[in-house]
Amino acid sequence: MENVQAQPIKTKKSKLRMPYETNFAQACILTVVLFCLIFSFLPLFLTVVNAFKPDIAVQTNAFSLPQLSSFLQAAKDNFSTAWKAIGDHYFTTIAVALSGAIGQTVISAVLAYILTFKNFYFKDAIFMLFIAVLLVPSIIGYPILLPLIRDKFGLDNSHFGYLLPIVGGGQVTGMFLFKTFFGQQPKSLYESAKLDGANDTIILIKITVPLALPIILYHFVGCFSGIYNEYLWASLLLSGDKQTLANTMEAAVANLDVKYGSMYAMYLLSSFPLIITVIISMKYFKSGEFAAGLKL
């Protein structure tokens, strides 16, 4: 009996086109995306170009590009004036934001691990109490927190008192985020680790955290940005040399210590820590190696 080779079945491509495949729809989508992109980058564009222009050029036309003849001198004057205004609080604010972000992330990860993999009495009720905290805006607690931190605890004008409610309240959001992510990890991996004699500390550090590193970095960057840009709580509790960068910048602009070009240079300098943290975290998001095997 002769072997009959199977012939590939040729399928006809449908001539029907979805609404989003039409040229007009594609043009509309591209227009909307480009408009949003330009609108998003406009503040950054203004900040960069005006930081390298003299004050008179910024007042004349904020959208114009820097002139080569005055570029170096304007940059020197603007950035030196900006650094004099915020330099004393620059690295202090970075250290405070890093400490608060690390504290929030570590406590959130440990708490999420306990609520995900451990069984104890009233577990669900306790979890719901944590979730209830998310329903209360943080600004409502300021009239209570301020006298508590300042008078009862004696932590007025203290970075520890400044971070205490931030870390305490911020762990709830991270716990909810991590708990959802931890629950998607394969149970067999944890069972194998326990059979090999690993305790909870080893499992958390060597298995759970590496697998969940993208979401942990996402939360860390958000915490760092929130603390770094905090204005209201810092203005209520901190003053003098303990003041954070956001309040220092506001005071410098209000007191006319910096002018237009120096003001944009000050904004550009203050954005560097945020840019660096985002660049570091994007490396892990783009690689996707830690998300392998997870049901996202």
Protein backbone atom coordinates (compact mmCIF):
# COMPACT_ATOMS: atom_id res chain seq x y z
CA MET A 1 0.00 0.00 0.00
CA GLU A 2 1.50 3.27 -1.10
CA ASN A 3 2.22 5.94 1.48
CA VAL A 4 0.05 8.94 0.95
CA GLN A 5 1.60 12.17 2.05
CA ALA A 6 -0.71 14.50 3.85
CA GLN A 7 -1.26 17.69 1.96
CA PRO A 8 -1.26 20.90 3.99
CA ILE A 9 -4.65 22.47 4.22
CA LYS A 10 -4.69 25.96 2.84
CA THR A 11 -6.87 28.33 4.74
CA LYS A 12 -8.24 31.43 3.18
CA LYS A 13 -7.59 34.61 5.02
CA SER A 14 -10.78 36.28 6.04
CA LYS A 15 -11.46 39.56 4.30
CA LEU A 16 -13.41 40.81 7.27
CA ARG A 17 -11.53 43.40 9.27
CA MET A 18 -12.05 44.35 12.86
CA PRO A 19 -12.86 48.01 13.53
CA TYR A 20 -9.44 48.63 15.05
CA GLU A 21 -7.67 47.29 11.93
CA THR A 22 -8.88 50.04 9.63
CA ASN A 23 -6.45 52.72 8.59
CA PHE A 24 -8.59 55.46 10.11
CA ALA A 25 -8.80 53.65 13.46
CA GLN A 26 -5.05 53.03 13.45
CA ALA A 27 -4.45 56.71 12.78
CA CYS A 28 -6.76 57.70 15.64
CA ILE A 29 -5.07 55.30 18.06
CA LEU A 30 -1.62 56.52 17.08
CA THR A 31 -2.70 60.15 17.45
CA VAL A 32 -4.10 59.57 20.93
CA VAL A 33 -0.99 57.66 22.05
CA LEU A 34 1.38 60.32 20.69
CA PHE A 35 -0.65 63.10 22.29
CA CYS A 36 -0.52 61.36 25.67
CA LEU A 37 3.21 60.74 25.26
CA ILE A 38 3.94 64.38 24.43
CA PHE A 39 1.67 65.56 27.23
CA SER A 40 3.51 63.30 29.70
CA PHE A 41 6.99 64.41 28.64
CA LEU A 42 6.17 68.13 28.45
CA PRO A 43 6.98 68.91 32.13
CA LEU A 44 10.24 66.98 31.86
CA PHE A 45 11.15 68.83 28.65
CA LEU A 46 10.51 72.22 30.27
CA THR A 47 12.52 71.28 33.35
CA VAL A 48 15.56 70.12 31.38
CA VAL A 49 15.76 72.93 28.84
CA ASN A 50 15.06 75.74 31.32
CA ALA A 51 17.66 74.45 33.77
CA PHE A 52 20.34 75.39 31.22
CA LYS A 53 19.02 78.86 30.34
CA PRO A 54 19.49 82.23 32.06
CA ASP A 55 16.51 83.78 33.85
CA ILE A 56 15.80 86.32 31.13
CA ALA A 57 15.59 83.57 28.50
CA VAL A 58 13.19 81.53 30.65
CA GLN A 59 10.93 84.56 31.17
CA THR A 60 11.01 85.41 27.46
CA ASN A 61 10.15 81.95 26.11
CA ALA A 62 10.06 78.88 28.36
CA PHE A 63 9.73 76.54 25.34
CA SER A 64 12.85 77.74 23.53
CA LEU A 65 16.04 75.67 23.48
CA PRO A 66 19.17 76.85 25.32
CA GLN A 67 21.60 79.03 23.38
CA LEU A 68 25.09 77.64 22.91
CA SER A 69 26.67 81.00 23.79
CA SER A 70 25.13 81.06 27.27
CA PHE A 71 24.70 77.34 27.90
CA LEU A 72 27.72 76.66 30.13
CA GLN A 73 27.50 79.86 32.16
CA ALA A 74 23.77 79.47 32.73
CA ALA A 75 24.20 75.85 33.79
CA LYS A 76 26.96 76.80 36.23
CA ASP A 77 24.96 79.64 37.78
CA ASN A 78 21.68 77.75 37.96
CA PHE A 79 22.99 74.51 39.44
CA SER A 80 25.32 76.21 41.93
CA THR A 81 22.44 78.35 43.22
CA ALA A 82 20.14 75.33 43.34
CA TRP A 83 22.66 73.24 45.25
CA LYS A 84 23.17 76.00 47.81
CA ALA A 85 19.43 75.98 48.43
CA ILE A 86 18.88 72.22 48.81
CA GLY A 87 22.33 70.67 49.27
CA ASP A 88 22.15 70.47 53.07
CA HIS A 89 18.93 68.40 52.92
CA TYR A 90 19.58 66.42 49.75
CA PHE A 91 21.35 63.30 51.02
CA THR A 92 19.49 63.38 54.33
CA THR A 93 16.18 63.10 52.50
CA ILE A 94 17.51 60.24 50.37
CA ALA A 95 18.64 58.37 53.49
CA VAL A 96 15.28 58.93 55.21
CA ALA A 97 13.35 57.78 52.15
CA LEU A 98 15.54 54.68 51.77
CA SER A 99 15.10 53.79 55.43
CA GLY A 100 11.33 54.17 55.26
CA ALA A 101 11.02 52.24 52.00
CA ILE A 102 13.17 49.37 53.29
CA GLY A 103 11.19 49.26 56.54
CA GLN A 104 7.85 49.20 54.72
CA THR A 105 8.98 46.54 52.26
CA VAL A 106 10.55 44.19 54.82
CA ILE A 107 7.62 44.36 57.24
CA SER A 108 5.12 43.94 54.40
CA ALA A 109 6.94 40.88 53.02
CA VAL A 110 7.19 39.16 56.42
CA LEU A 111 3.56 39.90 57.25
CA ALA A 112 2.38 38.70 53.82
CA TYR A 113 4.37 35.48 54.20
CA ILE A 114 2.76 34.77 57.59
CA LEU A 115 -0.76 35.49 56.35
CA THR A 116 -0.22 33.38 53.22
CA PHE A 117 1.55 30.25 54.45
CA LYS A 118 0.81 30.07 58.18
CA ASN A 119 -2.39 28.90 59.84
CA PHE A 120 -3.46 30.39 63.17
CA TYR A 121 -6.62 31.38 64.96
CA PHE A 122 -8.62 34.35 63.61
CA LYS A 123 -6.37 34.57 60.54
CA ASP A 124 -9.13 35.74 58.20
CA ALA A 125 -10.50 38.22 60.72
CA ILE A 126 -7.06 39.75 61.27
CA PHE A 127 -6.53 40.02 57.53
CA MET A 128 -9.84 41.85 57.14
CA LEU A 129 -8.84 44.26 59.90
CA PHE A 130 -5.67 45.07 57.96
CA ILE A 131 -7.72 45.64 54.81
CA ALA A 132 -10.05 47.96 56.74
CA VAL A 133 -7.09 50.30 57.27
CA LEU A 134 -6.97 50.90 53.51
CA LEU A 135 -10.47 52.38 53.64
CA VAL A 136 -9.33 55.25 55.88
CA PRO A 137 -7.44 58.12 54.16
CA SER A 138 -4.11 58.76 55.86
CA ILE A 139 -4.70 62.51 56.08
CA ILE A 140 -7.60 61.92 58.50
CA GLY A 141 -5.16 60.54 61.07
CA TYR A 142 -2.88 63.60 61.10
CA PRO A 143 -4.80 65.47 63.87
CA ILE A 144 -4.35 62.38 66.08
CA LEU A 145 -0.86 61.37 64.99
CA LEU A 146 0.69 64.81 65.38
CA PRO A 147 0.07 65.26 69.14
CA LEU A 148 0.77 61.56 69.70
CA ILE A 149 4.18 61.65 68.01
CA ARG A 150 5.10 65.14 69.18
CA ASP A 151 3.80 65.23 72.77
CA LYS A 152 3.28 61.65 73.98
CA PHE A 153 6.32 60.05 72.35
CA GLY A 154 8.51 63.15 72.44
CA LEU A 155 9.62 62.67 68.84
CA ASP A 156 9.00 66.21 67.59
CA ASN A 157 11.39 67.28 64.81
CA SER A 158 12.76 63.73 64.60
CA HIS A 159 13.21 61.59 61.52
CA PHE A 160 12.30 58.50 63.52
CA GLY A 161 9.01 60.10 64.56
CA TYR A 162 8.49 61.18 60.96
CA LEU A 163 8.93 57.63 59.63
CA LEU A 164 7.06 55.81 62.40
CA PRO A 165 3.49 56.39 61.12
CA ILE A 166 4.62 56.19 57.49
CA VAL A 167 6.11 52.72 57.94
CA GLY A 168 3.28 51.61 60.20
CA GLY A 169 0.55 52.64 57.80
CA GLY A 170 2.37 51.83 54.56
CA GLN A 171 2.89 48.16 55.40
CA VAL A 172 -0.81 47.42 54.85
CA THR A 173 -0.72 48.20 51.14
CA GLY A 174 2.44 46.18 50.64
CA MET A 175 1.07 43.27 52.66
CA PHE A 176 -2.05 43.09 50.50
CA LEU A 177 0.01 43.29 47.31
CA PHE A 178 2.57 40.69 48.40
CA LYS A 179 -0.02 38.29 49.80
CA THR A 180 -1.74 38.12 46.43
CA PHE A 181 1.58 37.51 44.68
CA PHE A 182 2.88 34.97 47.21
CA GLY A 183 -0.31 32.94 46.90
CA GLN A 184 0.38 32.38 43.20
CA GLN A 185 3.73 30.68 43.80
CA PRO A 186 3.83 26.86 43.44
CA LYS A 187 3.08 25.04 46.70
CA SER A 188 5.26 22.06 45.72
CA LEU A 189 8.35 24.27 45.88
CA TYR A 190 7.68 25.11 49.51
CA GLU A 191 6.85 21.52 50.40
CA SER A 192 10.14 20.33 48.89
CA ALA A 193 12.07 22.98 50.81
CA LYS A 194 10.46 21.93 54.09
CA LEU A 195 11.28 18.27 53.40
CA ASP A 196 14.92 19.30 52.92
CA GLY A 197 14.89 20.93 56.35
CA ALA A 198 14.51 24.60 55.41
CA ASN A 199 12.88 26.82 58.02
CA ASP A 200 10.63 29.80 57.40
CA THR A 201 13.50 32.30 57.38
CA ILE A 202 15.40 30.40 54.68
CA ILE A 203 12.25 29.86 52.63
CA LEU A 204 11.37 33.54 52.80
CA ILE A 205 14.84 34.82 51.91
CA LYS A 206 15.96 32.21 49.36
CA ILE A 207 12.66 31.22 47.69
CA THR A 208 9.82 33.67 48.26
CA VAL A 209 11.72 36.93 47.87
CA PRO A 210 13.65 35.96 44.68
CA LEU A 211 10.45 34.73 43.03
CA ALA A 212 8.57 37.88 43.98
CA LEU A 213 11.44 40.31 43.38
CA PRO A 214 9.71 42.29 40.57
CA ILE A 215 6.65 43.08 42.69
CA ILE A 216 8.84 43.80 45.73
CA LEU A 217 10.90 46.27 43.72
CA TYR A 218 7.72 47.84 42.37
CA HIS A 219 6.49 48.39 45.91
CA PHE A 220 9.90 49.61 47.07
CA VAL A 221 10.10 52.23 44.31
CA GLY A 222 6.58 53.42 45.12
CA CYS A 223 7.40 53.69 48.83
CA PHE A 224 10.65 55.53 48.14
CA SER A 225 8.94 58.00 45.82
CA GLY A 226 6.10 58.62 48.29
CA ILE A 227 8.42 59.31 51.23
CA TYR A 228 10.87 61.30 49.12
CA ASN A 229 8.09 63.57 47.83
CA GLU A 230 6.19 63.81 51.13
CA TYR A 231 5.28 67.39 51.96
CA LEU A 232 2.33 67.72 54.35
CA TRP A 233 3.40 65.37 57.15
CA ALA A 234 6.98 66.67 56.99
CA SER A 235 5.81 70.28 57.23
CA LEU A 236 3.77 69.46 60.35
CA LEU A 237 6.46 67.57 62.26
CA LEU A 238 9.87 68.64 60.95
CA SER A 239 11.61 72.00 60.88
CA GLY A 240 15.06 73.53 60.62
CA ASP A 241 17.89 71.20 59.67
CA LYS A 242 15.57 68.19 59.96
CA GLN A 243 13.37 69.40 57.12
CA THR A 244 12.98 67.22 54.03
CA LEU A 245 13.73 68.18 50.45
CA ALA A 246 10.17 68.98 49.34
CA ASN A 247 9.71 71.55 52.11
CA THR A 248 13.18 72.97 51.55
CA MET A 249 12.42 73.53 47.87
CA GLU A 250 9.09 75.17 48.66
CA ALA A 251 10.73 77.51 51.16
CA ALA A 252 13.50 78.43 48.72
CA VAL A 253 11.00 79.35 46.01
CA ALA A 254 8.74 81.25 48.42
CA ASN A 255 11.66 83.26 49.84
CA LEU A 256 12.95 84.05 46.34
CA ASP A 257 16.30 82.42 47.13
CA VAL A 258 16.20 80.88 43.65
CA LYS A 259 14.93 82.35 40.41
CA TYR A 260 13.50 80.73 37.29
CA GLY A 261 16.56 79.00 35.88
CA SER A 262 17.80 77.95 39.30
CA MET A 263 14.33 76.73 40.20
CA TYR A 264 14.27 74.33 37.25
CA ALA A 265 17.82 73.22 38.07
CA MET A 266 16.67 72.52 41.63
CA TYR A 267 13.80 70.39 40.32
CA LEU A 268 16.15 68.51 38.02
CA LEU A 269 18.61 67.78 40.82
CA SER A 270 15.84 66.51 43.07
CA SER A 271 14.61 64.10 40.39
CA PHE A 272 17.89 62.17 40.07
CA PRO A 273 17.27 59.73 42.98
CA LEU A 274 13.85 58.85 41.57
CA ILE A 275 15.26 58.30 38.09
CA ILE A 276 18.00 56.03 39.45
CA THR A 277 15.62 53.86 41.48
CA VAL A 278 13.30 53.43 38.50
CA ILE A 279 16.18 52.50 36.18
CA ILE A 280 17.44 49.86 38.63
CA SER A 281 14.00 48.31 39.06
CA MET A 282 13.21 48.32 35.33
CA LYS A 283 16.09 45.91 34.76
CA TYR A 284 14.20 43.17 36.61
CA PHE A 285 10.83 44.02 35.08
CA LYS A 286 12.18 43.78 31.54
CA SER A 287 14.12 40.54 32.09
CA GLY A 288 11.13 38.63 33.46
CA GLU A 289 13.40 35.90 34.84
CA PHE A 290 11.92 36.08 38.33
CA ALA A 291 8.36 35.85 37.06
CA ALA A 292 8.92 32.53 35.27
CA GLY A 293 6.46 29.85 36.27
CA LEU A 294 4.09 32.20 38.06
CA LYS A 295 0.44 32.45 37.13
CA LEU A 296 0.17 36.22 36.75
